[in-house]
Each structure stands twice: as C-alpha cells, then as structure tokens.
C-alpha atoms as a PDB file:
ATOM      1  CA  UNK A   1      11.758  44.191 -16.190  1.00  0.00           C
ATOM      2  CA  UNK A   2       9.503  43.725 -19.213  1.00  0.00           C
ATOM      3  CA  UNK A   3      12.163  42.013 -21.327  1.00  0.00           C
ATOM      4  CA  UNK A   4      13.799  38.624 -21.104  1.00  0.00           C
ATOM      5  CA  UNK A   5      16.799  40.027 -22.922  1.00  0.00           C
ATOM      6  CA  UNK A   6      17.884  41.664 -26.149  1.00  0.00           C
ATOM      7  CA  UNK A   7      18.939  40.227 -29.479  1.00  0.00           C
ATOM      8  CA  UNK A   8      21.707  41.760 -31.565  1.00  0.00           C
ATOM      9  CA  UNK A   9      20.664  41.466 -35.214  1.00  0.00           C
ATOM     10  CA  UNK A  10      22.841  41.984 -38.287  1.00  0.00           C
ATOM     11  CA  UNK A  11      20.728  44.472 -40.266  1.00  0.00           C
ATOM     12  CA  UNK A  12      22.287  43.587 -43.629  1.00  0.00           C
ATOM     13  CA  UNK A  13      21.762  39.822 -43.375  1.00  0.00           C
ATOM     14  CA  UNK A  14      18.746  39.856 -40.987  1.00  0.00           C
ATOM     15  CA  UNK A  15      20.608  37.330 -38.866  1.00  0.00           C
ATOM     16  CA  UNK A  16      20.454  37.017 -35.078  1.00  0.00           C
ATOM     17  CA  UNK A  17      24.030  37.400 -33.864  1.00  0.00           C
ATOM     18  CA  UNK A  18      23.542  36.751 -30.162  1.00  0.00           C
ATOM     19  CA  UNK A  19      21.283  37.289 -27.193  1.00  0.00           C
ATOM     20  CA  UNK A  20      22.307  39.450 -24.222  1.00  0.00           C
ATOM     21  CA  UNK A  21      20.896  39.783 -20.752  1.00  0.00           C
ATOM     22  CA  UNK A  22      19.821  43.222 -19.544  1.00  0.00           C
ATOM     23  CA  UNK A  23      22.118  44.458 -16.793  1.00  0.00           C
ATOM     24  CA  UNK A  24      20.430  45.184 -13.462  1.00  0.00           C
ATOM     25  CA  UNK A  25      22.528  48.381 -13.293  1.00  0.00           C
ATOM     26  CA  UNK A  26      20.025  49.926 -15.732  1.00  0.00           C
ATOM     27  CA  UNK A  27      17.448  49.950 -12.942  1.00  0.00           C
ATOM     28  CA  UNK A  28      19.680  51.642 -10.358  1.00  0.00           C
ATOM     29  CA  UNK A  29      21.261  54.452 -12.355  1.00  0.00           C
ATOM     30  CA  UNK A  30      19.400  56.807 -14.688  1.00  0.00           C
ATOM     31  CA  UNK A  31      21.700  57.875 -17.507  1.00  0.00           C
ATOM     32  CA  UNK A  32      21.890  57.726 -21.276  1.00  0.00           C
ATOM     33  CA  UNK A  33      23.547  54.296 -21.353  1.00  0.00           C
ATOM     34  CA  UNK A  34      21.840  50.933 -21.691  1.00  0.00           C
ATOM     35  CA  UNK A  35      23.998  48.127 -20.338  1.00  0.00           C
ATOM     36  CA  UNK A  36      23.820  44.488 -21.383  1.00  0.00           C
ATOM     37  CA  UNK A  37      25.699  41.376 -20.328  1.00  0.00           C
ATOM     38  CA  UNK A  38      27.124  39.149 -23.050  1.00  0.00           C
ATOM     39  CA  UNK A  39      28.604  35.676 -22.747  1.00  0.00           C
ATOM     40  CA  UNK A  40      32.322  35.454 -23.594  1.00  0.00           C
ATOM     41  CA  UNK A  41      31.670  33.396 -26.745  1.00  0.00           C
ATOM     42  CA  UNK A  42      29.172  36.030 -27.966  1.00  0.00           C
ATOM     43  CA  UNK A  43      31.683  38.826 -27.439  1.00  0.00           C
ATOM     44  CA  UNK A  44      34.200  36.833 -29.480  1.00  0.00           C
ATOM     45  CA  UNK A  45      31.597  36.254 -32.208  1.00  0.00           C
ATOM     46  CA  UNK A  46      30.878  39.992 -32.420  1.00  0.00           C
ATOM     47  CA  UNK A  47      34.617  40.777 -32.551  1.00  0.00           C
ATOM     48  CA  UNK A  48      35.086  38.318 -35.441  1.00  0.00           C
ATOM     49  CA  UNK A  49      32.190  39.952 -37.319  1.00  0.00           C
ATOM     50  CA  UNK A  50      33.633  43.412 -36.808  1.00  0.00           C
ATOM     51  CA  UNK A  51      37.033  42.319 -38.171  1.00  0.00           C
ATOM     52  CA  UNK A  52      35.363  41.194 -41.433  1.00  0.00           C
ATOM     53  CA  UNK A  53      33.869  44.632 -42.014  1.00  0.00           C
ATOM     54  CA  UNK A  54      35.762  46.581 -44.666  1.00  0.00           C
ATOM     55  CA  UNK A  55      34.350  50.017 -43.842  1.00  0.00           C
ATOM     56  CA  UNK A  56      34.182  51.459 -40.361  1.00  0.00           C
ATOM     57  CA  UNK A  57      30.407  51.104 -39.948  1.00  0.00           C
ATOM     58  CA  UNK A  58      28.694  47.899 -38.927  1.00  0.00           C
ATOM     59  CA  UNK A  59      24.967  48.223 -38.379  1.00  0.00           C
ATOM     60  CA  UNK A  60      23.313  46.160 -35.669  1.00  0.00           C
ATOM     61  CA  UNK A  61      19.727  46.368 -34.508  1.00  0.00           C
ATOM     62  CA  UNK A  62      18.887  45.591 -30.910  1.00  0.00           C
ATOM     63  CA  UNK A  63      15.509  43.896 -30.450  1.00  0.00           C
ATOM     64  CA  UNK A  64      13.872  43.332 -27.073  1.00  0.00           C
ATOM     65  CA  UNK A  65      12.398  39.964 -26.198  1.00  0.00           C
ATOM     66  CA  UNK A  66       9.092  40.590 -24.414  1.00  0.00           C
ATOM     67  CA  UNK A  67       8.528  38.893 -21.078  1.00  0.00           C
ATOM     68  CA  UNK A  68       4.828  37.985 -21.338  1.00  0.00           C
ATOM     69  CA  UNK A  69       4.595  36.700 -17.761  1.00  0.00           C
ATOM     70  CA  UNK A  70       5.556  40.180 -16.532  1.00  0.00           C
ATOM     71  CA  UNK A  71       2.594  41.815 -18.286  1.00  0.00           C
ATOM     72  CA  UNK A  72       0.228  39.038 -17.202  1.00  0.00           C
ATOM     73  CA  UNK A  73       1.202  39.683 -13.568  1.00  0.00           C
ATOM     74  CA  UNK A  74       0.612  43.421 -13.949  1.00  0.00           C
ATOM     75  CA  UNK A  75      -2.750  42.781 -15.598  1.00  0.00           C
ATOM     76  CA  UNK A  76      -3.874  40.446 -12.780  1.00  0.00           C
ATOM     77  CA  UNK A  77      -2.835  43.068 -10.214  1.00  0.00           C
ATOM     78  CA  UNK A  78      -4.801  45.827 -11.935  1.00  0.00           C
ATOM     79  CA  UNK A  79      -8.004  43.853 -12.434  1.00  0.00           C
ATOM     80  CA  UNK A  80      -7.970  42.677  -8.814  1.00  0.00           C
ATOM     81  CA  UNK A  81      -8.165  46.231  -7.387  1.00  0.00           C
ATOM     82  CA  UNK A  82     -11.582  46.647  -5.735  1.00  0.00           C
ATOM     83  CA  UNK A  83     -13.929  49.257  -7.196  1.00  0.00           C
ATOM     84  CA  UNK A  84     -14.021  51.045  -3.824  1.00  0.00           C
ATOM     85  CA  UNK A  85     -10.273  51.707  -4.080  1.00  0.00           C
ATOM     86  CA  UNK A  86     -10.526  52.853  -7.690  1.00  0.00           C
ATOM     87  CA  UNK A  87     -13.286  55.288  -6.702  1.00  0.00           C
ATOM     88  CA  UNK A  88     -10.948  56.849  -4.114  1.00  0.00           C
ATOM     89  CA  UNK A  89      -8.128  57.298  -6.626  1.00  0.00           C
ATOM     90  CA  UNK A  90      -9.988  58.203  -9.817  1.00  0.00           C
ATOM     91  CA  UNK A  91     -12.723  60.805  -9.312  1.00  0.00           C
ATOM     92  CA  UNK A  92     -16.040  60.690 -11.121  1.00  0.00           C
ATOM     93  CA  UNK A  93     -16.976  63.567 -13.437  1.00  0.00           C
ATOM     94  CA  UNK A  94     -19.158  65.009 -10.692  1.00  0.00           C
ATOM     95  CA  UNK A  95     -16.270  64.982  -8.214  1.00  0.00           C
ATOM     96  CA  UNK A  96     -13.958  67.040 -10.398  1.00  0.00           C
ATOM     97  CA  UNK A  97     -13.704  70.603  -9.156  1.00  0.00           C
ATOM     98  CA  UNK A  98     -13.675  73.047 -12.035  1.00  0.00           C
ATOM     99  CA  UNK A  99     -12.890  76.137  -9.980  1.00  0.00           C
ATOM    100  CA  UNK A 100      -9.237  75.230  -9.490  1.00  0.00           C
ATOM    101  CA  UNK A 101      -6.712  78.053  -9.658  1.00  0.00           C
ATOM    102  CA  UNK A 102      -5.383  78.771 -13.128  1.00  0.00           C
ATOM    103  CA  UNK A 103      -3.308  75.753 -14.181  1.00  0.00           C
ATOM    104  CA  UNK A 104       0.281  76.241 -15.252  1.00  0.00           C
ATOM    105  CA  UNK A 105       0.124  77.249 -18.911  1.00  0.00           C
ATOM    106  CA  UNK A 106       3.774  77.215 -19.935  1.00  0.00           C
ATOM    107  CA  UNK A 107       6.607  74.981 -18.907  1.00  0.00           C
ATOM    108  CA  UNK A 108       9.677  76.770 -17.641  1.00  0.00           C
ATOM    109  CA  UNK A 109      12.172  75.725 -20.310  1.00  0.00           C
ATOM    110  CA  UNK A 110      15.088  76.481 -18.011  1.00  0.00           C
ATOM    111  CA  UNK A 111      15.843  73.018 -16.732  1.00  0.00           C
ATOM    112  CA  UNK A 112      16.279  72.905 -12.936  1.00  0.00           C
ATOM    113  CA  UNK A 113      18.320  69.685 -13.036  1.00  0.00           C
ATOM    114  CA  UNK A 114      19.832  67.741 -15.975  1.00  0.00           C
ATOM    115  CA  UNK A 115      17.885  64.636 -14.950  1.00  0.00           C
ATOM    116  CA  UNK A 116      14.603  66.561 -15.301  1.00  0.00           C
ATOM    117  CA  UNK A 117      15.174  68.106 -18.753  1.00  0.00           C
ATOM    118  CA  UNK A 118      12.527  66.993 -21.245  1.00  0.00           C
ATOM    119  CA  UNK A 119      12.947  66.673 -24.987  1.00  0.00           C
ATOM    120  CA  UNK A 120      10.956  68.705 -27.507  1.00  0.00           C
ATOM    121  CA  UNK A 121       9.174  65.661 -28.921  1.00  0.00           C
ATOM    122  CA  UNK A 122       6.744  63.603 -26.832  1.00  0.00           C
ATOM    123  CA  UNK A 123       8.105  64.448 -23.371  1.00  0.00           C
ATOM    124  CA  UNK A 124       7.369  68.180 -23.542  1.00  0.00           C
ATOM    125  CA  UNK A 125       3.859  67.506 -24.848  1.00  0.00           C
ATOM    126  CA  UNK A 126       3.205  65.035 -22.008  1.00  0.00           C
ATOM    127  CA  UNK A 127       4.545  67.481 -19.415  1.00  0.00           C
ATOM    128  CA  UNK A 128       2.348  70.306 -20.699  1.00  0.00           C
ATOM    129  CA  UNK A 129      -0.699  68.005 -20.713  1.00  0.00           C
ATOM    130  CA  UNK A 130      -0.067  67.082 -17.077  1.00  0.00           C
ATOM    131  CA  UNK A 131       0.445  70.678 -15.968  1.00  0.00           C
ATOM    132  CA  UNK A 132      -2.702  71.923 -17.701  1.00  0.00           C
ATOM    133  CA  UNK A 133      -5.041  69.471 -15.928  1.00  0.00           C
ATOM    134  CA  UNK A 134      -6.983  70.524 -12.837  1.00  0.00           C
ATOM    135  CA  UNK A 135      -5.146  69.396  -9.697  1.00  0.00           C
ATOM    136  CA  UNK A 136      -7.798  66.846  -8.741  1.00  0.00           C
ATOM    137  CA  UNK A 137      -7.716  65.008 -12.078  1.00  0.00           C
ATOM    138  CA  UNK A 138      -5.351  62.026 -12.145  1.00  0.00           C
ATOM    139  CA  UNK A 139      -3.006  61.559 -15.083  1.00  0.00           C
ATOM    140  CA  UNK A 140      -1.679  58.258 -16.419  1.00  0.00           C
ATOM    141  CA  UNK A 141       1.700  58.398 -18.154  1.00  0.00           C
ATOM    142  CA  UNK A 142       2.521  55.390 -20.296  1.00  0.00           C
ATOM    143  CA  UNK A 143       5.150  54.609 -22.883  1.00  0.00           C
ATOM    144  CA  UNK A 144       7.839  52.116 -23.873  1.00  0.00           C
ATOM    145  CA  UNK A 145      11.019  51.431 -21.934  1.00  0.00           C
ATOM    146  CA  UNK A 146      13.384  54.380 -22.026  1.00  0.00           C
ATOM    147  CA  UNK A 147      10.901  56.896 -23.428  1.00  0.00           C
ATOM    148  CA  UNK A 148      11.299  59.263 -20.455  1.00  0.00           C
ATOM    149  CA  UNK A 149       8.170  58.569 -18.388  1.00  0.00           C
ATOM    150  CA  UNK A 150      10.010  58.845 -15.065  1.00  0.00           C
ATOM    151  CA  UNK A 151      11.726  62.049 -16.184  1.00  0.00           C
ATOM    152  CA  UNK A 152       8.404  63.643 -17.225  1.00  0.00           C
ATOM    153  CA  UNK A 153       6.732  62.657 -13.947  1.00  0.00           C
ATOM    154  CA  UNK A 154       9.657  63.951 -11.880  1.00  0.00           C
ATOM    155  CA  UNK A 155       9.593  67.244 -13.762  1.00  0.00           C
ATOM    156  CA  UNK A 156       5.802  67.579 -13.361  1.00  0.00           C
ATOM    157  CA  UNK A 157       6.092  66.945  -9.617  1.00  0.00           C
ATOM    158  CA  UNK A 158       8.840  69.569  -9.427  1.00  0.00           C
ATOM    159  CA  UNK A 159       6.715  72.129 -11.319  1.00  0.00           C
ATOM    160  CA  UNK A 160       3.691  71.490  -9.052  1.00  0.00           C
ATOM    161  CA  UNK A 161       5.803  71.921  -5.913  1.00  0.00           C
ATOM    162  CA  UNK A 162       7.346  75.122  -7.289  1.00  0.00           C
ATOM    163  CA  UNK A 163       3.897  76.509  -8.110  1.00  0.00           C
ATOM    164  CA  UNK A 164       2.735  75.684  -4.565  1.00  0.00           C
ATOM    165  CA  UNK A 165       5.749  77.438  -3.068  1.00  0.00           C
ATOM    166  CA  UNK A 166       5.223  80.533  -5.235  1.00  0.00           C
ATOM    167  CA  UNK A 167       1.560  80.819  -4.215  1.00  0.00           C
ATOM    168  CA  UNK A 168       2.062  79.693  -0.592  1.00  0.00           C
ATOM    169  CA  UNK A 169      -0.207  76.655  -1.123  1.00  0.00           C
ATOM    170  CA  UNK A 170       0.298  73.123   0.056  1.00  0.00           C
ATOM    171  CA  UNK A 171       0.905  70.568  -2.662  1.00  0.00           C
ATOM    172  CA  UNK A 172       0.082  66.871  -2.549  1.00  0.00           C
ATOM    173  CA  UNK A 173       1.320  64.506  -5.227  1.00  0.00           C
ATOM    174  CA  UNK A 174       0.580  60.775  -5.478  1.00  0.00           C
ATOM    175  CA  UNK A 175       2.956  58.839  -7.720  1.00  0.00           C
ATOM    176  CA  UNK A 176       2.356  55.119  -8.210  1.00  0.00           C
ATOM    177  CA  UNK A 177       4.658  52.644  -9.915  1.00  0.00           C
ATOM    178  CA  UNK A 178       4.721  48.896 -10.164  1.00  0.00           C
ATOM    179  CA  UNK A 179       8.287  48.594  -8.883  1.00  0.00           C
ATOM    180  CA  UNK A 180      10.445  50.439  -6.390  1.00  0.00           C
ATOM    181  CA  UNK A 181      13.253  51.314  -8.816  1.00  0.00           C
ATOM    182  CA  UNK A 182      11.200  54.080 -10.422  1.00  0.00           C
END
C-alpha cells in the first residue's frame, strides 16, 4: 500500500527497464513470493533484453516508488488522535507495574507453525525484545515492507497465549494495524 509500483532497473547500465504494478494478491496471501503485474509490451521488452545476454545471469534491481499520499494520510490519522485516547493506550511511567511475573526470557526456537518462524537476524531480536517487556508496556514494531513485522507480532502473540495457558492466567493482547489485511 505504500508504493505506487516498482521499477525494474538494469544494474549494469543503470537504466529503468519498465514499471510494474504491485499485485493485490500480495496483501491476501503471506508467502515468500512478491507478485507484480507487467504490461504486455514490458514483458516483451524484458524478453528481448534476456535474449541479448550471453551468460545465464542478468541482474535487475527492483526499486519501489514511494506513495507519499499514503504516508501523509497515516500521519494525519496519528496526529488527530486525542490525548485522552493516547493516555488509555500508552501508560505513563507511574502506571507501569514493575511487579509483573517473570517475563519470558528465551524464545522457544521450535517453530509452532511455518508462518510464525522468525529469522536469526532482526526478527528474533525484535521477538525477544517484545517478550522481555512487562505485560503492561506497549511495544511498537516498525520496519520496511516485507521485513517480517506481521510474522514477529503473530509469534509474540502466540508465545504470550502459550505462557498464559501454562500458568493458568488470562491473556489479553491488543494488536493495531492501519489496514485490515494485516
């Protein structure tokens, strides 16, 4: 939603080859593929380029075109939230309870579901940071498109629910997103 489209760029010549639209299927199915829609003439142009290549490797960069109006809309929505609502969602320092039960210290590396497996780079670090916070402290997860934010949040929610079940405690989780596809 944050991009107008993507440009295919010839990395050797630094030449824009064509622009593609982002397929709406990307927002309905979470997998390792990123689908784009090309015009017929652009597909033909790419095929002609590939035929000219003598070796079997043709390097293309894909660059996202930022949709500035999208971010402006999000910004206006955030700054229009009344302070009384923010106070209900984000506790003050005085409101934070420090006598919470021991937070989860280690992430269970056995992945409960392939869609909730986190990588060893930034995702695992983010998951551990979430799980080590007191339960009444909100956490904001941010990152670029495709970096695994939804996966980390889903896994954290799963871990909190599992901890609640193991200790016979109720668990409440509030997850907010700016669109329903997440």
